[in-house]
Protein backbone atom coordinates (compact mmCIF):
# COMPACT_ATOMS: atom_id res chain seq x y z
CA UNK A 1 -37.42 85.72 14.84
CA UNK A 2 -38.09 83.94 18.12
CA UNK A 3 -41.79 83.21 18.27
CA UNK A 4 -44.14 82.17 21.04
CA UNK A 5 -41.80 82.39 24.03
CA UNK A 6 -42.20 84.06 27.39
CA UNK A 7 -40.37 87.34 26.79
CA UNK A 8 -38.65 89.13 29.67
CA UNK A 9 -37.60 92.43 28.17
CA UNK A 10 -36.54 93.94 31.52
CA UNK A 11 -36.83 97.28 29.75
CA UNK A 12 -38.03 100.69 30.81
CA UNK A 13 -40.28 101.21 27.80
CA UNK A 14 -41.21 97.68 26.75
CA UNK A 15 -43.18 95.37 29.08
CA UNK A 16 -42.60 91.70 29.73
CA UNK A 17 -44.88 89.30 27.82
CA UNK A 18 -46.29 85.96 28.88
CA UNK A 19 -46.09 84.99 25.21
CA UNK A 20 -44.71 87.05 22.35
CA UNK A 21 -42.32 87.20 19.42
CA UNK A 22 -38.95 88.93 19.16
CA UNK A 23 -37.88 90.08 15.70
CA UNK A 24 -34.19 90.72 15.07
CA UNK A 25 -33.08 92.80 12.10
CA UNK A 26 -29.60 94.01 11.21
CA UNK A 27 -28.21 92.97 14.58
CA UNK A 28 -30.78 94.89 16.60
CA UNK A 29 -34.12 94.21 18.24
CA UNK A 30 -36.66 95.41 15.68
CA UNK A 31 -40.03 94.52 17.24
CA UNK A 32 -41.43 92.73 20.27
CA UNK A 33 -45.03 91.62 20.59
CA UNK A 34 -47.50 88.84 19.87
CA UNK A 35 -48.27 87.76 16.32
CA UNK A 36 -45.42 89.50 14.53
CA UNK A 37 -44.89 88.83 10.84
CA UNK A 38 -41.67 86.95 10.15
CA UNK A 39 -40.96 88.68 6.84
CA UNK A 40 -37.86 87.00 5.45
CA UNK A 41 -36.38 86.22 8.85
CA UNK A 42 -35.53 82.74 10.10
CA UNK A 43 -38.30 81.67 12.48
CA UNK A 44 -37.31 79.87 15.68
CA UNK A 45 -40.07 78.20 17.69
CA UNK A 46 -39.51 79.59 21.19
CA UNK A 47 -42.42 77.78 22.84
CA UNK A 48 -41.42 76.42 26.26
CA UNK A 49 -38.64 78.96 26.64
CA UNK A 50 -37.85 82.27 28.30
CA UNK A 51 -36.44 84.82 25.86
CA UNK A 52 -34.52 87.53 27.69
CA UNK A 53 -31.49 89.83 27.43
CA UNK A 54 -28.16 88.06 27.70
CA UNK A 55 -26.42 88.21 31.06
CA UNK A 56 -23.77 90.87 31.65
CA UNK A 57 -20.66 89.80 33.57
CA UNK A 58 -19.19 93.05 34.89
CA UNK A 59 -15.86 91.63 36.08
CA UNK A 60 -13.92 88.55 35.05
CA UNK A 61 -10.27 87.58 34.77
CA UNK A 62 -10.62 85.49 31.62
CA UNK A 63 -6.89 84.73 31.63
CA UNK A 64 -7.33 82.64 34.79
CA UNK A 65 -9.72 80.24 33.09
CA UNK A 66 -6.98 77.64 32.64
CA UNK A 67 -6.97 77.17 36.43
CA UNK A 68 -10.73 76.75 36.78
CA UNK A 69 -12.01 75.08 39.93
CA UNK A 70 -8.54 74.73 41.43
CA UNK A 71 -10.06 75.77 44.73
CA UNK A 72 -7.37 78.17 45.90
CA UNK A 73 -6.18 81.69 45.18
CA UNK A 74 -2.92 81.09 47.05
CA UNK A 75 0.26 82.03 45.25
CA UNK A 76 0.72 84.40 42.34
CA UNK A 77 -2.23 84.71 39.96
CA UNK A 78 -1.47 82.94 36.71
CA UNK A 79 -2.62 86.02 34.84
CA UNK A 80 0.25 88.03 36.34
CA UNK A 81 3.11 85.60 36.75
CA UNK A 82 2.90 82.60 34.49
CA UNK A 83 2.25 83.50 30.86
CA UNK A 84 5.38 83.06 28.80
CA UNK A 85 3.81 82.81 25.34
CA UNK A 86 1.07 84.93 23.73
CA UNK A 87 -0.67 81.82 22.39
CA UNK A 88 -1.22 80.62 25.95
CA UNK A 89 -2.95 83.87 26.84
CA UNK A 90 -5.04 83.53 23.69
CA UNK A 91 -6.10 79.99 24.68
CA UNK A 92 -6.93 81.02 28.25
CA UNK A 93 -8.97 84.01 27.17
CA UNK A 94 -10.81 82.12 24.42
CA UNK A 95 -11.84 79.17 26.60
CA UNK A 96 -12.94 81.57 29.32
CA UNK A 97 -15.11 83.65 26.99
CA UNK A 98 -16.62 80.59 25.28
CA UNK A 99 -17.51 79.26 28.72
CA UNK A 100 -19.31 82.54 29.35
CA UNK A 101 -21.28 82.14 26.11
CA UNK A 102 -22.34 78.63 27.12
CA UNK A 103 -23.65 80.14 30.36
CA UNK A 104 -25.87 82.62 28.50
CA UNK A 105 -23.54 85.59 29.06
CA UNK A 106 -23.41 87.97 26.11
CA UNK A 107 -21.24 90.71 27.63
CA UNK A 108 -18.03 90.24 29.63
CA UNK A 109 -15.80 92.89 31.21
CA UNK A 110 -12.41 91.17 31.04
CA UNK A 111 -9.78 92.59 33.39
CA UNK A 112 -6.45 92.08 31.62
CA UNK A 113 -3.44 92.40 33.93
CA UNK A 114 -1.00 90.12 32.11
CA UNK A 115 2.49 91.54 31.83
CA UNK A 116 3.95 91.39 28.35
CA UNK A 117 4.36 93.32 25.17
CA UNK A 118 1.97 94.22 22.40
CA UNK A 119 1.95 90.62 21.15
CA UNK A 120 0.30 89.48 24.41
CA UNK A 121 -2.33 92.20 24.22
CA UNK A 122 -3.06 91.40 20.59
CA UNK A 123 -3.44 87.71 21.50
CA UNK A 124 -6.04 88.57 24.12
CA UNK A 125 -7.90 90.89 21.74
CA UNK A 126 -7.89 88.20 19.06
CA UNK A 127 -9.54 85.82 21.53
CA UNK A 128 -12.19 88.46 22.17
CA UNK A 129 -12.85 88.74 18.44
CA UNK A 130 -12.94 84.97 17.93
CA UNK A 131 -15.28 84.32 20.87
CA UNK A 132 -17.86 86.61 19.26
CA UNK A 133 -19.60 88.03 22.31
CA UNK A 134 -19.66 91.67 23.40
CA UNK A 135 -16.71 92.58 25.62
CA UNK A 136 -15.15 95.32 27.67
CA UNK A 137 -11.37 94.89 27.54
CA UNK A 138 -10.06 96.48 30.73
CA UNK A 139 -6.38 97.27 30.30
CA UNK A 140 -4.93 97.32 33.81
CA UNK A 141 -2.17 99.88 34.24
CA UNK A 142 0.49 99.68 36.95
CA UNK A 143 1.31 103.34 37.57
CA UNK A 144 4.67 102.41 39.07
CA UNK A 145 5.87 100.30 36.13
CA UNK A 146 3.91 101.15 32.99
CA UNK A 147 5.10 104.71 32.45
CA UNK A 148 3.29 108.00 32.77
CA UNK A 149 -0.05 109.22 31.45
CA UNK A 150 1.35 109.92 27.98
CA UNK A 151 2.29 106.25 27.64
CA UNK A 152 -1.13 105.25 28.97
CA UNK A 153 -2.86 107.42 26.41
CA UNK A 154 -0.77 105.92 23.60
CA UNK A 155 -1.47 102.36 24.75
CA UNK A 156 -5.19 102.92 25.16
CA UNK A 157 -5.43 104.75 21.85
CA UNK A 158 -3.71 101.85 20.11
CA UNK A 159 -6.09 99.38 21.71
CA UNK A 160 -9.10 101.37 20.55
CA UNK A 161 -7.84 101.12 16.99
CA UNK A 162 -7.04 97.40 17.29
CA UNK A 163 -10.25 96.32 19.04
CA UNK A 164 -13.00 94.65 17.07
CA UNK A 165 -16.46 96.20 16.64
CA UNK A 166 -17.86 94.35 19.66
CA UNK A 167 -15.06 95.27 22.07
CA UNK A 168 -14.87 98.47 24.13
CA UNK A 169 -11.58 99.49 25.76
CA UNK A 170 -11.44 100.65 29.38
CA UNK A 171 -8.69 101.75 31.76
CA UNK A 172 -8.10 99.60 34.83
CA UNK A 173 -6.32 100.77 37.99
CA UNK A 174 -5.52 98.70 41.06
CA UNK A 175 -6.08 100.33 44.44
CA UNK A 176 -3.29 99.48 46.84
CA UNK A 177 -2.27 100.73 50.30
CA UNK A 178 -1.57 104.21 48.88
CA UNK A 179 -5.06 104.53 47.38
CA UNK A 180 -5.37 106.55 44.18
CA UNK A 181 -1.97 108.19 44.44
CA UNK A 182 -0.45 108.67 41.01
CA UNK A 183 -3.63 107.69 39.17
CA UNK A 184 -5.25 111.05 38.46
CA UNK A 185 -3.25 111.80 35.30
CA UNK A 186 -3.95 108.32 33.95
CA UNK A 187 -7.67 108.87 34.49
CA UNK A 188 -7.40 112.16 32.61
CA UNK A 189 -5.73 110.29 29.74
CA UNK A 190 -8.55 107.75 29.61
CA UNK A 191 -11.18 110.47 29.77
CA UNK A 192 -9.48 112.27 26.92
CA UNK A 193 -10.29 109.21 24.82
CA UNK A 194 -13.82 108.98 26.28
CA UNK A 195 -13.06 105.59 27.82
CA UNK A 196 -14.61 104.14 30.99
CA UNK A 197 -12.49 103.61 34.09
CA UNK A 198 -12.53 100.59 36.37
CA UNK A 199 -10.92 100.72 39.82
CA UNK A 200 -10.06 97.38 41.38
CA UNK A 201 -10.02 97.18 45.17
CA UNK A 202 -8.48 94.33 47.12
CA UNK A 203 -7.42 93.12 50.52
CA UNK A 204 -4.76 95.87 50.80
CA UNK A 205 -7.06 98.73 49.80
CA UNK A 206 -7.80 101.44 52.33
CA UNK A 207 -11.58 102.08 52.35
CA UNK A 208 -10.89 105.80 52.71
CA UNK A 209 -9.16 105.85 49.33
CA UNK A 210 -12.44 106.10 47.46
CA UNK A 211 -13.69 108.92 49.66
CA UNK A 212 -10.41 110.74 49.10
CA UNK A 213 -10.78 110.27 45.34
CA UNK A 214 -14.28 111.71 45.51
CA UNK A 215 -12.97 114.69 47.48
CA UNK A 216 -10.44 115.33 44.72
CA UNK A 217 -13.18 115.24 42.09
CA UNK A 218 -11.87 112.07 40.47
CA UNK A 219 -15.06 110.02 40.65
CA UNK A 220 -17.84 110.26 38.12
CA UNK A 221 -20.40 108.30 36.16
CA UNK A 222 -17.59 106.81 34.05
CA UNK A 223 -15.98 105.10 37.07
CA UNK A 224 -16.79 101.60 38.31
CA UNK A 225 -15.42 100.27 41.59
CA UNK A 226 -14.76 96.54 41.34
CA UNK A 227 -15.32 94.61 44.60
CA UNK A 228 -17.05 96.06 47.62
CA UNK A 229 -15.99 94.19 50.78
CA UNK A 230 -14.62 96.56 53.40
CA UNK A 231 -16.45 99.63 52.14
CA UNK A 232 -17.77 101.83 54.93
CA UNK A 233 -20.86 104.04 54.80
CA UNK A 234 -18.86 107.17 54.05
CA UNK A 235 -17.26 105.51 51.04
CA UNK A 236 -20.56 104.21 49.70
CA UNK A 237 -22.08 107.67 50.12
CA UNK A 238 -19.17 109.11 48.14
CA UNK A 239 -19.73 106.62 45.32
CA UNK A 240 -23.45 107.33 45.23
CA UNK A 241 -22.94 111.07 45.33
CA UNK A 242 -20.51 110.97 42.40
CA UNK A 243 -22.78 108.77 40.29
CA UNK A 244 -20.15 106.03 40.16
CA UNK A 245 -21.00 102.33 39.85
CA UNK A 246 -20.08 99.16 41.73
CA UNK A 247 -19.37 95.66 40.43
CA UNK A 248 -19.72 92.83 42.93
CA UNK A 249 -18.46 89.27 42.51
CA UNK A 250 -20.22 87.72 45.51
CA UNK A 251 -19.16 84.10 45.09
CA UNK A 252 -15.51 84.88 44.43
CA UNK A 253 -15.29 87.59 47.10
CA UNK A 254 -16.57 85.29 49.83
CA UNK A 255 -14.70 82.16 48.70
CA UNK A 256 -11.47 84.01 47.92
CA UNK A 257 -11.12 85.74 51.27
CA UNK A 258 -12.06 89.32 50.37
CA UNK A 259 -15.00 89.29 52.77
CA UNK A 260 -18.73 89.77 52.60
CA UNK A 261 -20.09 91.95 49.80
CA UNK A 262 -21.95 95.05 51.10
CA UNK A 263 -25.12 94.28 49.18
CA UNK A 264 -27.54 95.73 51.70
CA UNK A 265 -25.49 98.87 52.23
CA UNK A 266 -25.46 99.52 48.50
CA UNK A 267 -29.19 99.05 47.91
CA UNK A 268 -29.92 101.17 51.01
CA UNK A 269 -28.28 104.04 49.12
CA UNK A 270 -29.95 103.16 45.81
CA UNK A 271 -26.68 101.92 44.32
CA UNK A 272 -27.68 99.00 42.15
CA UNK A 273 -24.59 96.89 41.49
CA UNK A 274 -23.64 94.82 38.52
CA UNK A 275 -22.53 91.23 39.11
CA UNK A 276 -19.39 89.46 37.99
CA UNK A 277 -17.68 86.08 38.09
CA UNK A 278 -14.17 87.41 38.85
CA UNK A 279 -11.93 84.36 39.37
CA UNK A 280 -12.99 80.90 38.23
CA UNK A 281 -10.37 79.28 40.44
CA UNK A 282 -12.81 79.67 43.35
CA UNK A 283 -16.10 80.72 41.77
CA UNK A 284 -18.63 79.38 39.27
CA UNK A 285 -18.42 80.87 35.80
CA UNK A 286 -22.12 81.61 35.33
CA UNK A 287 -24.50 84.35 36.39
CA UNK A 288 -27.11 81.97 37.76
CA UNK A 289 -24.71 81.26 40.65
CA UNK A 290 -23.95 84.96 41.13
CA UNK A 291 -27.65 85.86 41.30
CA UNK A 292 -28.30 83.13 43.87
CA UNK A 293 -25.29 84.15 45.96
CA UNK A 294 -26.46 87.77 45.94
CA UNK A 295 -30.07 87.18 46.91
CA UNK A 296 -29.20 84.48 49.45
CA UNK A 297 -26.65 86.69 51.20
CA UNK A 298 -29.04 89.63 51.36
CA UNK A 299 -31.80 87.42 52.78
CA UNK A 300 -29.38 86.02 55.36
CA UNK A 301 -28.41 89.57 56.37
CA UNK A 302 -32.05 90.53 56.94
CA UNK A 303 -32.82 87.37 58.87
CA UNK A 304 -29.73 87.79 61.07
CA UNK A 305 -30.95 91.27 62.00
CA UNK A 306 -34.40 89.89 62.73
CA UNK A 307 -33.00 87.15 64.96
CA UNK A 308 -30.97 89.80 66.79
CA UNK A 309 -34.21 91.66 67.58
CA UNK A 310 -33.41 94.71 65.48
CA UNK A 311 -36.19 96.95 64.21
CA UNK A 312 -36.60 98.69 60.88
CA UNK A 313 -35.64 95.67 58.82
CA UNK A 314 -35.03 96.21 55.11
CA UNK A 315 -37.25 94.38 52.67
CA UNK A 316 -36.13 91.08 51.29
CA UNK A 317 -34.55 91.38 47.87
CA UNK A 318 -36.80 89.99 45.14
CA UNK A 319 -35.90 87.89 42.14
CA UNK A 320 -36.90 90.90 40.04
CA UNK A 321 -34.19 92.94 41.74
CA UNK A 322 -31.41 90.44 41.25
CA UNK A 323 -32.19 89.53 37.63
CA UNK A 324 -31.76 93.22 36.82
CA UNK A 325 -28.38 93.25 38.57
CA UNK A 326 -27.33 90.52 36.13
CA UNK A 327 -28.67 92.27 33.01
CA UNK A 328 -29.79 95.89 32.71
CA UNK A 329 -27.91 97.16 35.79
CA UNK A 330 -24.84 95.22 34.74
CA UNK A 331 -24.92 96.87 31.32
CA UNK A 332 -25.08 100.30 32.95
CA UNK A 333 -22.17 99.43 35.27
CA UNK A 334 -20.13 98.33 32.23
CA UNK A 335 -20.92 101.61 30.48
CA UNK A 336 -23.05 99.85 27.87
CA UNK A 337 -26.53 100.67 29.15
CA UNK A 338 -27.56 102.30 25.88
CA UNK A 339 -26.41 99.29 23.90
CA UNK A 340 -27.47 96.17 25.76
CA UNK A 341 -28.93 94.79 29.01
CA UNK A 342 -32.61 94.82 28.01
CA UNK A 343 -34.71 93.85 24.99
CA UNK A 344 -36.11 97.00 23.48
CA UNK A 345 -36.47 98.09 19.85
CA UNK A 346 -33.28 99.78 18.71
CA UNK A 347 -30.99 98.06 21.20
CA UNK A 348 -28.49 95.43 20.16
CA UNK A 349 -29.92 91.93 19.88
CA UNK A 350 -27.97 90.39 22.78
CA UNK A 351 -30.35 87.56 23.61
CA UNK A 352 -30.40 84.33 25.59
CA UNK A 353 -33.14 81.72 25.17
CA UNK A 354 -33.63 79.46 28.19
CA UNK A 355 -35.51 76.16 28.14
CA UNK A 356 -38.44 75.94 30.55
CA UNK A 357 -39.46 72.34 29.75
CA UNK A 358 -36.54 70.70 31.55
CA UNK A 359 -37.27 68.81 34.78
CA UNK A 360 -34.94 71.05 36.79
CA UNK A 361 -37.41 73.99 36.54
CA UNK A 362 -40.72 72.48 35.46
CA UNK A 363 -43.47 73.54 36.16
CA UNK A 364 -42.87 77.25 35.66
CA UNK A 365 -44.86 79.01 38.37
CA UNK A 366 -42.98 82.29 37.94
CA UNK A 367 -40.63 82.84 34.98
CA UNK A 368 -38.28 85.26 36.73
CA UNK A 369 -38.19 83.08 39.83
CA UNK A 370 -37.37 80.09 37.64
CA UNK A 371 -34.42 81.91 36.04
CA UNK A 372 -33.01 83.10 39.36
CA UNK A 373 -33.67 80.15 41.67
CA UNK A 374 -33.96 77.12 39.41
CA UNK A 375 -32.04 77.40 36.17
CA UNK A 376 -28.43 76.66 35.36
CA UNK A 377 -26.30 76.42 32.26
CA UNK A 378 -28.15 73.28 31.09
CA UNK A 379 -31.18 75.48 30.34
CA UNK A 380 -29.27 77.70 27.88
CA UNK A 381 -30.54 76.97 24.37
CA UNK A 382 -29.73 79.93 22.10
CA UNK A 383 -27.30 82.83 22.58
CA UNK A 384 -27.02 85.83 20.27
CA UNK A 385 -24.73 88.86 20.48
CA UNK A 386 -25.49 91.72 18.14
CA UNK A 387 -27.84 89.39 16.29
CA UNK A 388 -25.07 86.86 15.58
CA UNK A 389 -25.83 83.32 16.70
CA UNK A 390 -23.16 82.11 19.14
CA UNK A 391 -25.08 79.11 20.46
CA UNK A 392 -27.80 77.22 18.63
CA UNK A 393 -30.07 74.65 20.30
CA UNK A 394 -27.61 74.08 23.13
CA UNK A 395 -24.44 73.83 21.02
CA UNK A 396 -21.71 76.41 20.52
CA UNK A 397 -21.27 77.66 16.98
CA UNK A 398 -17.54 78.05 17.70
CA UNK A 399 -14.97 75.29 17.24
CA UNK A 400 -15.10 73.93 20.78
CA UNK A 401 -12.73 71.04 20.02
CA UNK A 402 -9.99 73.44 18.94
CA UNK A 403 -10.56 75.62 22.00
CA UNK A 404 -10.24 72.62 24.32
CA UNK A 405 -7.11 71.36 22.59
CA UNK A 406 -5.18 74.61 22.78
CA UNK A 407 -6.42 75.21 26.35
CA UNK A 408 -5.10 71.81 27.45
CA UNK A 409 -1.64 72.54 26.03
CA UNK A 410 -1.55 76.08 27.42
CA UNK A 411 -2.85 74.93 30.79
CA UNK A 412 0.09 72.60 31.33
CA UNK A 413 2.62 75.30 30.43
CA UNK A 414 0.98 77.94 32.60
CA UNK A 415 0.66 75.58 35.57
CA UNK A 416 4.30 74.59 35.29
CA UNK A 417 5.43 78.22 35.08
CA UNK A 418 3.34 79.09 38.13
CA UNK A 419 4.60 76.11 40.11
CA UNK A 420 1.12 74.65 40.41
CA UNK A 421 -0.04 71.05 40.21
CA UNK A 422 -3.18 70.53 38.15
CA UNK A 423 -5.00 67.46 36.93
CA UNK A 424 -4.09 65.43 40.02
CA UNK A 425 -6.18 62.52 41.24
CA UNK A 426 -9.15 63.62 43.38
CA UNK A 427 -8.62 63.70 47.11
CA UNK A 428 -11.03 62.23 49.61
CA UNK A 429 -11.48 65.47 51.55
CA UNK A 430 -13.99 66.99 49.08
C-alpha cells in the first residue's frame, strides 16, 4: 500500500486526492482513499510523492533502441535491415523496454517489423516477458511478402498462444503509396481473432488512403492510425466518424522529418490522441518529453494564429489535457482502456510514484503541472505493472548489468551490419 501521497487517479469514477492511500491486492487497485487499513500489505510511505497511473507509450520501435540518440534516421532502419541473430533482437528489445520502465512507462505498444523466422519473433516476445511491463506486440505484416490472410491468421494465432499474460498481440500494416490495397483480408483475419489493428503512416502515405478505407467500411474502434502529419480535415473526419484512434509521436515526427503533428485538428474534432516515443534515434524515450512537445506545439499553433490576427482562436491546451493523452487516452488508443490508464478499483495496478521533493520541481504549486512541465526520469521512484514491482526507490528490479552487457555486444553487431558508425568521439558541432 502506498500511503500519504498526492494521488492522481485520472479516472472517471474516482477523484484525485491531495493526500490519500492506494491499496493494491492481487495485482489490482483495491481501494483508494485517506486512512486506509494496510491489512497484511507492505506499506510504502508515499509522502512527498505523486502516485498516478503509469504512462502509456502507444508507439515505439523497441528494436531500434541499440541506436539511441544517433541523431539521424538516414539509411535503412536497423529493425528492418540489420538483425542477423535473434539474441541481438532480444537485447535491443529488452534494453528498450527497461528504459521505458525507468521512465515510468508501464505499457508499451512495440511495433515489430524485423524480418526473420519464428526464432526472431520468440526472441522479441521473450524480451517482453523478461522486462515485466504491460505490452502490445504489434506484428507488422508486409502484404506483398508475408503471404495471404490465411498465413497472417496462423502467425497471429501462434503469437497469441506464445505471448505472456501481460502481452497483447496486434496486427500492424504499413500504409504506402497504394494505401490500404491488399490489406482488407488481413484485417478480417485479425478481427477473427479479436485483435486490435494498427496502421502505420509515413512520408509516402497518401492522406486520402484513410478516407478510402473508411468508405470501404474498414475503419472501426479497433483501428489505430500511427502518426498524423499530412492528414487533411476529410481524413480526420473519417477517423472520428469511424471511432478509430490516433497515436502521435510528436518529438520523433518533427525531428525525423515526418512533419508537424495535427494536434489542434484532432482535438477540434474531439479525437484525443495517445502519445508515443516512436524512434529513439531522434527522440527522447520518456513521456515527459512527449507531453511537453505536445502542449508546446499546440500553444505555438494558437499563438501563431493570434499573431496573424485570426479570430476564433482555440483554447490553450491544459496540463490536464496532455497528462490524459499520456495515460488514460493512451490506454484507450492501445485497446487497453478497461485494463489500465487510470487508478480505479478493479483496474490493474499499473502505477508510477514520482518524487516531489527534488529541487527540479520543488515547491509543488500544482501537482499535474509539476508532472507535465517540471519532472523527468530522475523523479521516478517506484513502478508497478499488474501489482508487480519493476522499480523500487529509483532502482530497477531487473538485472540492469546483464541488459547493458548484451546490448553493448548486440549494438556493435547491428551497427556493423547496418553500415553505421557508433560510439565515435563527440564532434564539436553539437
